[in-house]
Amino acid sequence: ISAIRRTVCTIWTKWLPDSGHEAADA
């Protein structure tokens, strides 16, 4: 679990921009 920041950072900075999806305010 100590590596969670790295995973979250990858999701937001790489996966989300590349996916074509947009984050929701939720």
PDB file of all heavy atoms in Angstrom:
ATOM      1  N   ILE A   1       0.816  -1.217   0.000  1.00  0.00           N
ATOM      2  CA  ILE A   1       0.000   0.000   0.000  1.00  0.00           C
ATOM      3  C   ILE A   1       0.849   1.266   0.000  1.00  0.00           C
ATOM      4  O   ILE A   1       0.398   2.340  -0.416  1.00  0.00           O
ATOM      5  CB  ILE A   1      -0.986   0.013   1.194  1.00  0.00           C
ATOM      6  CG1 ILE A   1      -2.045   1.102   0.992  1.00  0.00           C
ATOM      7  CG2 ILE A   1      -0.242   0.142   2.515  1.00  0.00           C
ATOM      8  CD1 ILE A   1      -3.192   1.037   1.955  1.00  0.00           C
ATOM      9  N   SER A   2       2.104   1.168   0.436  1.00  0.00           N
ATOM     10  CA  SER A   2       2.974   2.344   0.439  1.00  0.00           C
ATOM     11  C   SER A   2       3.233   2.868  -0.969  1.00  0.00           C
ATOM     12  O   SER A   2       3.664   4.019  -1.136  1.00  0.00           O
ATOM     13  CB  SER A   2       4.306   2.015   1.116  1.00  0.00           C
ATOM     14  OG  SER A   2       4.975   0.962   0.436  1.00  0.00           O
ATOM     15  N   ALA A   3       2.958   2.030  -1.987  1.00  0.00           N
ATOM     16  CA  ALA A   3       3.183   2.450  -3.376  1.00  0.00           C
ATOM     17  C   ALA A   3       1.921   3.051  -4.006  1.00  0.00           C
ATOM     18  O   ALA A   3       1.907   3.334  -5.204  1.00  0.00           O
ATOM     19  CB  ALA A   3       3.649   1.260  -4.213  1.00  0.00           C
ATOM     20  N   ILE A   4       0.896   3.303  -3.217  1.00  0.00           N
ATOM     21  CA  ILE A   4      -0.371   3.768  -3.775  1.00  0.00           C
ATOM     22  C   ILE A   4      -0.237   5.137  -4.448  1.00  0.00           C
ATOM     23  O   ILE A   4      -0.872   5.408  -5.472  1.00  0.00           O
ATOM     24  CB  ILE A   4      -1.484   3.808  -2.699  1.00  0.00           C
ATOM     25  CG1 ILE A   4      -2.831   4.149  -3.353  1.00  0.00           C
ATOM     26  CG2 ILE A   4      -1.146   4.782  -1.589  1.00  0.00           C
ATOM     27  CD1 ILE A   4      -4.003   4.067  -2.392  1.00  0.00           C
ATOM     28  N   ARG A   5       0.617   6.000  -3.923  1.00  0.00           N
ATOM     29  CA  ARG A   5       0.768   7.324  -4.533  1.00  0.00           C
ATOM     30  C   ARG A   5       1.270   7.215  -5.970  1.00  0.00           C
ATOM     31  O   ARG A   5       0.822   7.956  -6.839  1.00  0.00           O
ATOM     32  CB  ARG A   5       1.726   8.182  -3.711  1.00  0.00           C
ATOM     33  CG  ARG A   5       1.117   8.739  -2.436  1.00  0.00           C
ATOM     34  CD  ARG A   5       2.005   9.789  -1.835  1.00  0.00           C
ATOM     35  NE  ARG A   5       1.311  10.535  -0.788  1.00  0.00           N
ATOM     36  CZ  ARG A   5       1.587  11.788  -0.459  1.00  0.00           C
ATOM     37  NH1 ARG A   5       2.520  12.442  -1.128  1.00  0.00           N
ATOM     38  NH2 ARG A   5       0.929  12.397   0.513  1.00  0.00           N
ATOM     39  N   ARG A   6       2.196   6.283  -6.192  1.00  0.00           N
ATOM     40  CA  ARG A   6       2.712   6.105  -7.542  1.00  0.00           C
ATOM     41  C   ARG A   6       1.620   5.621  -8.485  1.00  0.00           C
ATOM     42  O   ARG A   6       1.500   6.101  -9.613  1.00  0.00           O
ATOM     43  CB  ARG A   6       3.877   5.109  -7.528  1.00  0.00           C
ATOM     44  CG  ARG A   6       4.523   4.941  -8.903  1.00  0.00           C
ATOM     45  CD  ARG A   6       5.796   4.121  -8.838  1.00  0.00           C
ATOM     46  NE  ARG A   6       5.518   2.731  -8.508  1.00  0.00           N
ATOM     47  CZ  ARG A   6       5.938   2.126  -7.411  1.00  0.00           C
ATOM     48  NH1 ARG A   6       6.648   2.802  -6.503  1.00  0.00           N
ATOM     49  NH2 ARG A   6       5.668   0.857  -7.198  1.00  0.00           N
ATOM     50  N   THR A   7       0.783   4.695  -8.004  1.00  0.00           N
ATOM     51  CA  THR A   7      -0.304   4.176  -8.831  1.00  0.00           C
ATOM     52  C   THR A   7      -1.306   5.274  -9.160  1.00  0.00           C
ATOM     53  O   THR A   7      -1.724   5.440 -10.310  1.00  0.00           O
ATOM     54  CB  THR A   7      -1.012   3.012  -8.129  1.00  0.00           C
ATOM     55  OG1 THR A   7      -0.079   1.965  -7.887  1.00  0.00           O
ATOM     56  CG2 THR A   7      -2.158   2.474  -8.968  1.00  0.00           C
ATOM     57  N   VAL A   8      -1.700   6.026  -8.148  1.00  0.00           N
ATOM     58  CA  VAL A   8      -2.678   7.099  -8.350  1.00  0.00           C
ATOM     59  C   VAL A   8      -2.122   8.148  -9.304  1.00  0.00           C
ATOM     60  O   VAL A   8      -2.833   8.648 -10.195  1.00  0.00           O
ATOM     61  CB  VAL A   8      -3.068   7.735  -6.996  1.00  0.00           C
ATOM     62  CG1 VAL A   8      -3.898   8.996  -7.217  1.00  0.00           C
ATOM     63  CG2 VAL A   8      -3.830   6.738  -6.145  1.00  0.00           C
ATOM     64  N   CYS A   9      -0.859   8.489  -9.140  1.00  0.00           N
ATOM     65  CA  CYS A   9      -0.225   9.481 -10.025  1.00  0.00           C
ATOM     66  C   CYS A   9      -0.222   8.991 -11.470  1.00  0.00           C
ATOM     67  O   CYS A   9      -0.510   9.760 -12.404  1.00  0.00           O
ATOM     68  CB  CYS A   9       1.191   9.761  -9.551  1.00  0.00           C
ATOM     69  SG  CYS A   9       2.021  11.063 -10.476  1.00  0.00           S
ATOM     70  N   THR A  10       0.049   7.701 -11.684  1.00  0.00           N
ATOM     71  CA  THR A  10       0.048   7.139 -13.032  1.00  0.00           C
ATOM     72  C   THR A  10      -1.343   7.184 -13.642  1.00  0.00           C
ATOM     73  O   THR A  10      -1.519   7.498 -14.831  1.00  0.00           O
ATOM     74  CB  THR A  10       0.560   5.681 -13.003  1.00  0.00           C
ATOM     75  OG1 THR A  10       1.893   5.655 -12.493  1.00  0.00           O
ATOM     76  CG2 THR A  10       0.541   5.076 -14.392  1.00  0.00           C
ATOM     77  N   ILE A  11      -2.350   6.884 -12.827  1.00  0.00           N
ATOM     78  CA  ILE A  11      -3.730   6.910 -13.320  1.00  0.00           C
ATOM     79  C   ILE A  11      -4.092   8.312 -13.812  1.00  0.00           C
ATOM     80  O   ILE A  11      -4.629   8.488 -14.911  1.00  0.00           O
ATOM     81  CB  ILE A  11      -4.710   6.468 -12.215  1.00  0.00           C
ATOM     82  CG1 ILE A  11      -4.519   4.979 -11.896  1.00  0.00           C
ATOM     83  CG2 ILE A  11      -6.159   6.730 -12.653  1.00  0.00           C
ATOM     84  CD1 ILE A  11      -5.264   4.519 -10.665  1.00  0.00           C
ATOM     85  N   TRP A  12      -3.785   9.320 -12.987  1.00  0.00           N
ATOM     86  CA  TRP A  12      -4.215  10.681 -13.300  1.00  0.00           C
ATOM     87  C   TRP A  12      -3.368  11.356 -14.367  1.00  0.00           C
ATOM     88  O   TRP A  12      -3.873  12.165 -15.140  1.00  0.00           O
ATOM     89  CB  TRP A  12      -4.228  11.532 -12.034  1.00  0.00           C
ATOM     90  CG  TRP A  12      -5.403  11.239 -11.167  1.00  0.00           C
ATOM     91  CD1 TRP A  12      -5.477  10.331 -10.150  1.00  0.00           C
ATOM     92  CD2 TRP A  12      -6.707  11.825 -11.251  1.00  0.00           C
ATOM     93  NE1 TRP A  12      -6.733  10.322  -9.588  1.00  0.00           N
ATOM     94  CE2 TRP A  12      -7.503  11.232 -10.242  1.00  0.00           C
ATOM     95  CE3 TRP A  12      -7.267  12.791 -12.067  1.00  0.00           C
ATOM     96  CZ2 TRP A  12      -8.840  11.574 -10.042  1.00  0.00           C
ATOM     97  CZ3 TRP A  12      -8.595  13.151 -11.862  1.00  0.00           C
ATOM     98  CH2 TRP A  12      -9.365  12.539 -10.866  1.00  0.00           C
ATOM     99  N   THR A  13      -2.078  11.045 -14.426  1.00  0.00           N
ATOM    100  CA  THR A  13      -1.194  11.749 -15.373  1.00  0.00           C
ATOM    101  C   THR A  13      -0.974  10.998 -16.672  1.00  0.00           C
ATOM    102  O   THR A  13      -0.560  11.607 -17.662  1.00  0.00           O
ATOM    103  CB  THR A  13       0.170  12.022 -14.725  1.00  0.00           C
ATOM    104  OG1 THR A  13       0.817  10.775 -14.401  1.00  0.00           O
ATOM    105  CG2 THR A  13       0.017  12.867 -13.476  1.00  0.00           C
ATOM    106  N   LYS A  14      -1.226   9.700 -16.686  1.00  0.00           N
ATOM    107  CA  LYS A  14      -1.011   8.929 -17.909  1.00  0.00           C
ATOM    108  C   LYS A  14      -2.291   8.275 -18.422  1.00  0.00           C
ATOM    109  O   LYS A  14      -2.732   8.522 -19.537  1.00  0.00           O
ATOM    110  CB  LYS A  14       0.068   7.865 -17.693  1.00  0.00           C
ATOM    111  CG  LYS A  14       0.348   7.056 -18.962  1.00  0.00           C
ATOM    112  CD  LYS A  14       1.553   6.164 -18.815  1.00  0.00           C
ATOM    113  CE  LYS A  14       1.775   5.315 -20.072  1.00  0.00           C
ATOM    114  NZ  LYS A  14       1.893   6.140 -21.291  1.00  0.00           N
ATOM    115  N   TRP A  15      -2.927   7.427 -17.565  1.00  0.00           N
ATOM    116  CA  TRP A  15      -4.092   6.697 -18.067  1.00  0.00           C
ATOM    117  C   TRP A  15      -5.228   7.637 -18.453  1.00  0.00           C
ATOM    118  O   TRP A  15      -5.794   7.524 -19.539  1.00  0.00           O
ATOM    119  CB  TRP A  15      -4.599   5.692 -17.030  1.00  0.00           C
ATOM    120  CG  TRP A  15      -5.813   4.958 -17.541  1.00  0.00           C
ATOM    121  CD1 TRP A  15      -5.833   3.842 -18.320  1.00  0.00           C
ATOM    122  CD2 TRP A  15      -7.190   5.333 -17.360  1.00  0.00           C
ATOM    123  NE1 TRP A  15      -7.122   3.493 -18.638  1.00  0.00           N
ATOM    124  CE2 TRP A  15      -7.978   4.395 -18.058  1.00  0.00           C
ATOM    125  CE3 TRP A  15      -7.835   6.378 -16.679  1.00  0.00           C
ATOM    126  CZ2 TRP A  15      -9.364   4.454 -18.092  1.00  0.00           C
ATOM    127  CZ3 TRP A  15      -9.219   6.438 -16.714  1.00  0.00           C
ATOM    128  CH2 TRP A  15      -9.976   5.493 -17.401  1.00  0.00           C
ATOM    129  N   LEU A  16      -5.569   8.571 -17.563  1.00  0.00           N
ATOM    130  CA  LEU A  16      -6.733   9.430 -17.814  1.00  0.00           C
ATOM    131  C   LEU A  16      -6.565  10.277 -19.073  1.00  0.00           C
ATOM    132  O   LEU A  16      -7.461  10.280 -19.933  1.00  0.00           O
ATOM    133  CB  LEU A  16      -7.015  10.305 -16.590  1.00  0.00           C
ATOM    134  CG  LEU A  16      -8.344  11.070 -16.613  1.00  0.00           C
ATOM    135  CD1 LEU A  16      -9.527  10.106 -16.707  1.00  0.00           C
ATOM    136  CD2 LEU A  16      -8.478  11.926 -15.353  1.00  0.00           C
ATOM    137  N   PRO A  17      -5.451  10.981 -19.274  1.00  0.00           N
ATOM    138  CA  PRO A  17      -5.308  11.768 -20.511  1.00  0.00           C
ATOM    139  C   PRO A  17      -5.322  10.901 -21.773  1.00  0.00           C
ATOM    140  O   PRO A  17      -5.837  11.325 -22.812  1.00  0.00           O
ATOM    141  CB  PRO A  17      -3.960  12.464 -20.337  1.00  0.00           C
ATOM    142  CG  PRO A  17      -3.702  12.465 -18.878  1.00  0.00           C
ATOM    143  CD  PRO A  17      -4.308  11.198 -18.366  1.00  0.00           C
ATOM    144  N   ASP A  18      -4.740   9.690 -21.682  1.00  0.00           N
ATOM    145  CA  ASP A  18      -4.667   8.823 -22.857  1.00  0.00           C
ATOM    146  C   ASP A  18      -5.971   8.093 -23.149  1.00  0.00           C
ATOM    147  O   ASP A  18      -6.188   7.600 -24.259  1.00  0.00           O
ATOM    148  CB  ASP A  18      -3.559   7.771 -22.682  1.00  0.00           C
ATOM    149  CG  ASP A  18      -2.167   8.396 -22.662  1.00  0.00           C
ATOM    150  OD1 ASP A  18      -2.050   9.573 -23.050  1.00  0.00           O
ATOM    151  OD2 ASP A  18      -1.222   7.703 -22.253  1.00  0.00           O
ATOM    152  N   SER A  19      -6.853   8.008 -22.148  1.00  0.00           N
ATOM    153  CA  SER A  19      -8.052   7.176 -22.288  1.00  0.00           C
ATOM    154  C   SER A  19      -9.174   7.849 -23.074  1.00  0.00           C
ATOM    155  O   SER A  19     -10.069   7.179 -23.592  1.00  0.00           O
ATOM    156  CB  SER A  19      -8.585   6.809 -20.900  1.00  0.00           C
ATOM    157  OG  SER A  19      -9.126   7.964 -20.257  1.00  0.00           O
ATOM    158  N   GLY A  20      -9.147   9.170 -23.138  1.00  0.00           N
ATOM    159  CA  GLY A  20     -10.252   9.888 -23.760  1.00  0.00           C
ATOM    160  C   GLY A  20     -11.384  10.172 -22.792  1.00  0.00           C
ATOM    161  O   GLY A  20     -12.358  10.846 -23.140  1.00  0.00           O
ATOM    162  N   HIS A  21     -11.264   9.678 -21.553  1.00  0.00           N
ATOM    163  CA  HIS A  21     -12.274   9.950 -20.529  1.00  0.00           C
ATOM    164  C   HIS A  21     -11.970  11.269 -19.827  1.00  0.00           C
ATOM    165  O   HIS A  21     -10.841  11.774 -19.881  1.00  0.00           O
ATOM    166  CB  HIS A  21     -12.319   8.825 -19.500  1.00  0.00           C
ATOM    167  CG  HIS A  21     -12.850   7.535 -20.038  1.00  0.00           C
ATOM    168  ND1 HIS A  21     -14.166   7.355 -20.382  1.00  0.00           N
ATOM    169  CD2 HIS A  21     -12.231   6.350 -20.293  1.00  0.00           C
ATOM    170  CE1 HIS A  21     -14.353   6.122 -20.825  1.00  0.00           C
ATOM    171  NE2 HIS A  21     -13.190   5.489 -20.788  1.00  0.00           N
ATOM    172  N   GLU A  22     -12.978  11.774 -19.140  1.00  0.00           N
ATOM    173  CA  GLU A  22     -12.829  13.008 -18.372  1.00  0.00           C
ATOM    174  C   GLU A  22     -13.249  12.745 -16.940  1.00  0.00           C
ATOM    175  O   GLU A  22     -14.263  12.089 -16.690  1.00  0.00           O
ATOM    176  CB  GLU A  22     -13.696  14.111 -18.980  1.00  0.00           C
ATOM    177  CG  GLU A  22     -13.485  15.474 -18.344  1.00  0.00           C
ATOM    178  CD  GLU A  22     -14.309  16.554 -19.024  1.00  0.00           C
ATOM    179  OE1 GLU A  22     -14.881  16.279 -20.108  1.00  0.00           O
ATOM    180  OE2 GLU A  22     -14.388  17.662 -18.479  1.00  0.00           O
ATOM    181  N   ALA A  23     -12.453  13.221 -16.003  1.00  0.00           N
ATOM    182  CA  ALA A  23     -12.769  13.004 -14.587  1.00  0.00           C
ATOM    183  C   ALA A  23     -14.065  13.719 -14.224  1.00  0.00           C
ATOM    184  O   ALA A  23     -14.345  14.829 -14.694  1.00  0.00           O
ATOM    185  CB  ALA A  23     -11.631  13.503 -13.708  1.00  0.00           C
ATOM    186  N   ALA A  24     -14.850  13.084 -13.380  1.00  0.00           N
ATOM    187  CA  ALA A  24     -16.108  13.669 -12.908  1.00  0.00           C
ATOM    188  C   ALA A  24     -15.900  14.302 -11.542  1.00  0.00           C
ATOM    189  O   ALA A  24     -15.018  13.897 -10.777  1.00  0.00           O
ATOM    190  CB  ALA A  24     -17.185  12.592 -12.824  1.00  0.00           C
ATOM    191  N   ASP A  25     -16.694  15.313 -11.246  1.00  0.00           N
ATOM    192  CA  ASP A  25     -16.638  15.978  -9.946  1.00  0.00           C
ATOM    193  C   ASP A  25     -17.461  15.157  -8.962  1.00  0.00           C
ATOM    194  O   ASP A  25     -18.615  15.472  -8.664  1.00  0.00           O
ATOM    195  CB  ASP A  25     -17.180  17.402 -10.062  1.00  0.00           C
ATOM    196  CG  ASP A  25     -17.041  18.173  -8.754  1.00  0.00           C
ATOM    197  OD1 ASP A  25     -16.312  17.696  -7.861  1.00  0.00           O
ATOM    198  OD2 ASP A  25     -17.667  19.247  -8.621  1.00  0.00           O
ATOM    199  N   ALA A  26     -16.866  14.088  -8.483  1.00  0.00           N
ATOM    200  CA  ALA A  26     -17.554  13.146  -7.591  1.00  0.00           C
ATOM    201  C   ALA A  26     -16.510  12.469  -6.715  1.00  0.00           C
ATOM    202  O   ALA A  26     -15.316  12.492  -7.027  1.00  0.00           O
ATOM    203  CB  ALA A  26     -18.323  12.105  -8.409  1.00  0.00           C
TER     204      ALA A  26
END
